[in-house]
C-alpha atoms as a PDB file:
ATOM      1  CA  MET A   1      -0.706  15.996 -31.158  1.00  0.00           C
ATOM      2  CA  SER A   2       0.155  19.447 -29.869  1.00  0.00           C
ATOM      3  CA  ASP A   3       2.260  21.865 -31.922  1.00  0.00           C
ATOM      4  CA  ALA A   4       4.302  22.783 -28.807  1.00  0.00           C
ATOM      5  CA  TRP A   5       7.348  20.995 -30.312  1.00  0.00           C
ATOM      6  CA  LEU A   6       7.629  23.903 -32.741  1.00  0.00           C
ATOM      7  CA  ASP A   7       8.408  26.269 -29.842  1.00  0.00           C
ATOM      8  CA  ALA A   8      11.862  24.682 -29.415  1.00  0.00           C
ATOM      9  CA  ILE A   9      12.938  25.788 -32.905  1.00  0.00           C
ATOM     10  CA  LYS A  10      15.029  28.946 -33.221  1.00  0.00           C
ATOM     11  CA  TRP A  11      13.386  30.682 -36.154  1.00  0.00           C
ATOM     12  CA  ASN A  12      15.347  33.358 -38.038  1.00  0.00           C
ATOM     13  CA  SER A  13      14.204  36.982 -38.235  1.00  0.00           C
ATOM     14  CA  ASP A  14      11.894  36.071 -41.147  1.00  0.00           C
ATOM     15  CA  GLY A  15      10.256  33.293 -39.108  1.00  0.00           C
ATOM     16  CA  LEU A  16      12.025  30.587 -41.134  1.00  0.00           C
ATOM     17  CA  VAL A  17      14.351  27.677 -40.444  1.00  0.00           C
ATOM     18  CA  PRO A  18      16.576  25.852 -42.964  1.00  0.00           C
ATOM     19  CA  VAL A  19      15.410  22.313 -43.700  1.00  0.00           C
ATOM     20  CA  ILE A  20      17.616  19.612 -45.172  1.00  0.00           C
ATOM     21  CA  ALA A  21      15.848  16.711 -46.891  1.00  0.00           C
ATOM     22  CA  GLN A  22      17.770  13.441 -46.822  1.00  0.00           C
ATOM     23  CA  GLU A  23      16.768  10.173 -48.496  1.00  0.00           C
ATOM     24  CA  ALA A  24      16.123   7.836 -45.572  1.00  0.00           C
ATOM     25  CA  ALA A  25      17.152   4.665 -47.429  1.00  0.00           C
ATOM     26  CA  THR A  26      20.475   5.912 -48.848  1.00  0.00           C
ATOM     27  CA  GLY A  27      21.498   8.854 -46.689  1.00  0.00           C
ATOM     28  CA  LYS A  28      21.893  11.066 -49.774  1.00  0.00           C
ATOM     29  CA  VAL A  29      21.211  14.753 -49.151  1.00  0.00           C
ATOM     30  CA  LEU A  30      18.458  15.735 -51.583  1.00  0.00           C
ATOM     31  CA  THR A  31      17.883  19.434 -51.050  1.00  0.00           C
ATOM     32  CA  LEU A  32      17.927  22.401 -48.726  1.00  0.00           C
ATOM     33  CA  ALA A  33      14.737  24.389 -48.392  1.00  0.00           C
ATOM     34  CA  TRP A  34      13.080  26.676 -45.854  1.00  0.00           C
ATOM     35  CA  ALA A  35      10.078  26.220 -43.598  1.00  0.00           C
ATOM     36  CA  ASN A  36       7.980  28.436 -41.408  1.00  0.00           C
ATOM     37  CA  ARG A  37       5.960  27.205 -38.434  1.00  0.00           C
ATOM     38  CA  GLU A  38       2.917  26.449 -40.600  1.00  0.00           C
ATOM     39  CA  ALA A  39       4.982  24.435 -43.092  1.00  0.00           C
ATOM     40  CA  LEU A  40       6.604  22.264 -40.422  1.00  0.00           C
ATOM     41  CA  ALA A  41       3.279  21.684 -38.685  1.00  0.00           C
ATOM     42  CA  ALA A  42       1.811  20.613 -42.047  1.00  0.00           C
ATOM     43  CA  THR A  43       4.822  18.359 -42.690  1.00  0.00           C
ATOM     44  CA  GLN A  44       4.196  16.523 -39.429  1.00  0.00           C
ATOM     45  CA  LYS A  45       0.427  16.323 -39.913  1.00  0.00           C
ATOM     46  CA  GLU A  46       0.493  15.274 -43.588  1.00  0.00           C
ATOM     47  CA  ASP A  47       3.510  12.919 -43.404  1.00  0.00           C
ATOM     48  CA  ARG A  48       5.065  14.664 -46.408  1.00  0.00           C
ATOM     49  CA  ALA A  49       7.543  17.503 -46.873  1.00  0.00           C
ATOM     50  CA  VAL A  50       5.944  20.932 -46.890  1.00  0.00           C
ATOM     51  CA  TYR A  51       8.205  23.965 -47.268  1.00  0.00           C
ATOM     52  CA  TRP A  52       7.880  27.737 -47.450  1.00  0.00           C
ATOM     53  CA  SER A  53       8.600  29.086 -50.922  1.00  0.00           C
ATOM     54  CA  ARG A  54      10.489  32.333 -50.407  1.00  0.00           C
ATOM     55  CA  SER A  55      10.060  33.315 -54.053  1.00  0.00           C
ATOM     56  CA  ARG A  56       6.307  32.615 -54.198  1.00  0.00           C
ATOM     57  CA  LYS A  57       5.631  33.611 -50.573  1.00  0.00           C
ATOM     58  CA  LYS A  58       3.421  30.589 -49.917  1.00  0.00           C
ATOM     59  CA  LEU A  59       3.464  27.012 -48.676  1.00  0.00           C
ATOM     60  CA  TRP A  60       5.027  24.579 -51.112  1.00  0.00           C
ATOM     61  CA  ARG A  61       4.064  20.938 -50.855  1.00  0.00           C
ATOM     62  CA  LYS A  62       7.003  19.154 -52.443  1.00  0.00           C
ATOM     63  CA  GLY A  63       5.731  17.305 -55.494  1.00  0.00           C
ATOM     64  CA  GLU A  64       2.462  19.228 -55.827  1.00  0.00           C
ATOM     65  CA  GLU A  65       3.235  19.904 -59.502  1.00  0.00           C
ATOM     66  CA  SER A  66       5.860  17.278 -60.351  1.00  0.00           C
ATOM     67  CA  GLY A  67       4.442  14.338 -58.424  1.00  0.00           C
ATOM     68  CA  HIS A  68       7.872  13.900 -56.786  1.00  0.00           C
ATOM     69  CA  VAL A  69       6.535  13.903 -53.236  1.00  0.00           C
ATOM     70  CA  GLN A  70       8.816  13.498 -50.240  1.00  0.00           C
ATOM     71  CA  ARG A  71       7.119  11.061 -47.833  1.00  0.00           C
ATOM     72  CA  LEU A  72       8.116  11.830 -44.271  1.00  0.00           C
ATOM     73  CA  LYS A  73       9.869   9.155 -42.241  1.00  0.00           C
ATOM     74  CA  GLU A  74      11.340  11.265 -39.436  1.00  0.00           C
ATOM     75  CA  ILE A  75      11.927  14.866 -38.304  1.00  0.00           C
ATOM     76  CA  ARG A  76      15.105  15.828 -36.451  1.00  0.00           C
ATOM     77  CA  LEU A  77      16.356  19.080 -34.932  1.00  0.00           C
ATOM     78  CA  ASP A  78      20.046  19.950 -34.707  1.00  0.00           C
ATOM     79  CA  CYS A  79      21.951  20.675 -31.483  1.00  0.00           C
ATOM     80  CA  ASP A  80      21.513  24.462 -31.806  1.00  0.00           C
ATOM     81  CA  ASN A  81      17.784  24.089 -32.548  1.00  0.00           C
ATOM     82  CA  ASP A  82      18.212  26.197 -35.696  1.00  0.00           C
ATOM     83  CA  ALA A  83      18.199  23.603 -38.495  1.00  0.00           C
ATOM     84  CA  VAL A  84      15.783  20.785 -39.284  1.00  0.00           C
ATOM     85  CA  LEU A  85      16.512  17.466 -40.974  1.00  0.00           C
ATOM     86  CA  LEU A  86      13.739  15.572 -42.736  1.00  0.00           C
ATOM     87  CA  LEU A  87      14.367  11.914 -43.437  1.00  0.00           C
ATOM     88  CA  VAL A  88      12.168  11.157 -46.419  1.00  0.00           C
ATOM     89  CA  GLU A  89      11.300   8.674 -49.109  1.00  0.00           C
ATOM     90  CA  GLN A  90      11.715  10.510 -52.405  1.00  0.00           C
ATOM     91  CA  VAL A  91       8.892   9.360 -54.674  1.00  0.00           C
ATOM     92  CA  GLY A  92      10.018   8.912 -58.278  1.00  0.00           C
ATOM     93  CA  GLY A  93      13.689   9.271 -57.371  1.00  0.00           C
ATOM     94  CA  ILE A  94      13.814  12.931 -58.463  1.00  0.00           C
ATOM     95  CA  ALA A  95      14.081  15.764 -55.937  1.00  0.00           C
ATOM     96  CA  CYS A  96      15.424  18.575 -58.112  1.00  0.00           C
ATOM     97  CA  HIS A  97      13.410  20.783 -60.461  1.00  0.00           C
ATOM     98  CA  THR A  98      16.192  20.198 -63.013  1.00  0.00           C
ATOM     99  CA  GLY A  99      15.117  16.544 -63.256  1.00  0.00           C
ATOM    100  CA  ARG A 100      18.028  15.196 -61.222  1.00  0.00           C
ATOM    101  CA  GLU A 101      18.004  12.882 -58.211  1.00  0.00           C
ATOM    102  CA  ARG A 102      19.114  15.688 -55.918  1.00  0.00           C
ATOM    103  CA  CYS A 103      19.796  19.394 -55.986  1.00  0.00           C
ATOM    104  CA  PHE A 104      23.479  19.011 -55.084  1.00  0.00           C
ATOM    105  CA  TYR A 105      24.611  17.848 -58.517  1.00  0.00           C
ATOM    106  CA  GLN A 106      27.460  20.327 -59.036  1.00  0.00           C
ATOM    107  CA  ARG A 107      30.982  19.560 -57.775  1.00  0.00           C
ATOM    108  CA  LEU A 108      33.903  21.977 -57.583  1.00  0.00           C
ATOM    109  CA  GLU A 109      36.726  20.747 -59.815  1.00  0.00           C
ATOM    110  CA  ASN A 110      39.808  22.859 -60.513  1.00  0.00           C
ATOM    111  CA  GLY A 111      38.024  26.077 -59.570  1.00  0.00           C
ATOM    112  CA  ARG A 112      34.908  25.373 -61.687  1.00  0.00           C
ATOM    113  CA  TRP A 113      31.483  23.935 -60.959  1.00  0.00           C
ATOM    114  CA  VAL A 114      30.908  20.757 -62.950  1.00  0.00           C
ATOM    115  CA  ASN A 115      27.605  18.910 -63.331  1.00  0.00           C
ATOM    116  CA  VAL A 116      28.378  15.397 -62.109  1.00  0.00           C
ATOM    117  CA  GLU A 117      24.925  13.809 -61.947  1.00  0.00           C
ATOM    118  CA  PRO A 118      22.641  13.101 -64.894  1.00  0.00           C
ATOM    119  CA  VAL A 119      19.248  14.537 -65.698  1.00  0.00           C
ATOM    120  CA  LEU A 120      16.843  11.632 -65.157  1.00  0.00           C
ATOM    121  CA  LYS A 121      13.865  13.377 -66.710  1.00  0.00           C
ATOM    122  CA  GLN A 122      13.700  16.637 -68.641  1.00  0.00           C
ATOM    123  CA  PRO A 123      12.013  19.444 -66.697  1.00  0.00           C
ATOM    124  CA  ASP A 124       9.569  20.151 -69.554  1.00  0.00           C
ATOM    125  CA  GLU A 125       8.355  16.550 -69.189  1.00  0.00           C
ATOM    126  CA  ILE A 126       7.881  17.034 -65.440  1.00  0.00           C
ATOM    127  CA  TYR A 127       6.281  20.483 -65.430  1.00  0.00           C
ATOM    128  CA  LYS A 128       3.649  20.658 -68.137  1.00  0.00           C
ATOM    129  CA  LYS A 129       2.610  24.303 -67.890  1.00  0.00           C
END
């Protein structure tokens, strides 16, 4: 398969596009990450979510350390061609480095952010460095 599909994406000035990962089975939004052209090409080729780590300045294969891989089901592009949606199967049911199901676990209540979803596994049990 050609990588010409990547030409339709409107990359930002850093060569990145925001990527939303959504659990295909439930519709829950798991996380927002960033991808460059290489990361999205790898995502399509490997059938798993591959992102660009802005902090580490390198490709980040989701689950490479934790084992919580995101298996690709579908890739979608929004109407402005500047945001990507990955429909995935979240292996292990944990997407967040905090050990939660998803990264959006804080809800605004009375002007404060409140943690409303439980830690399923402690991070020090996930990341054994």
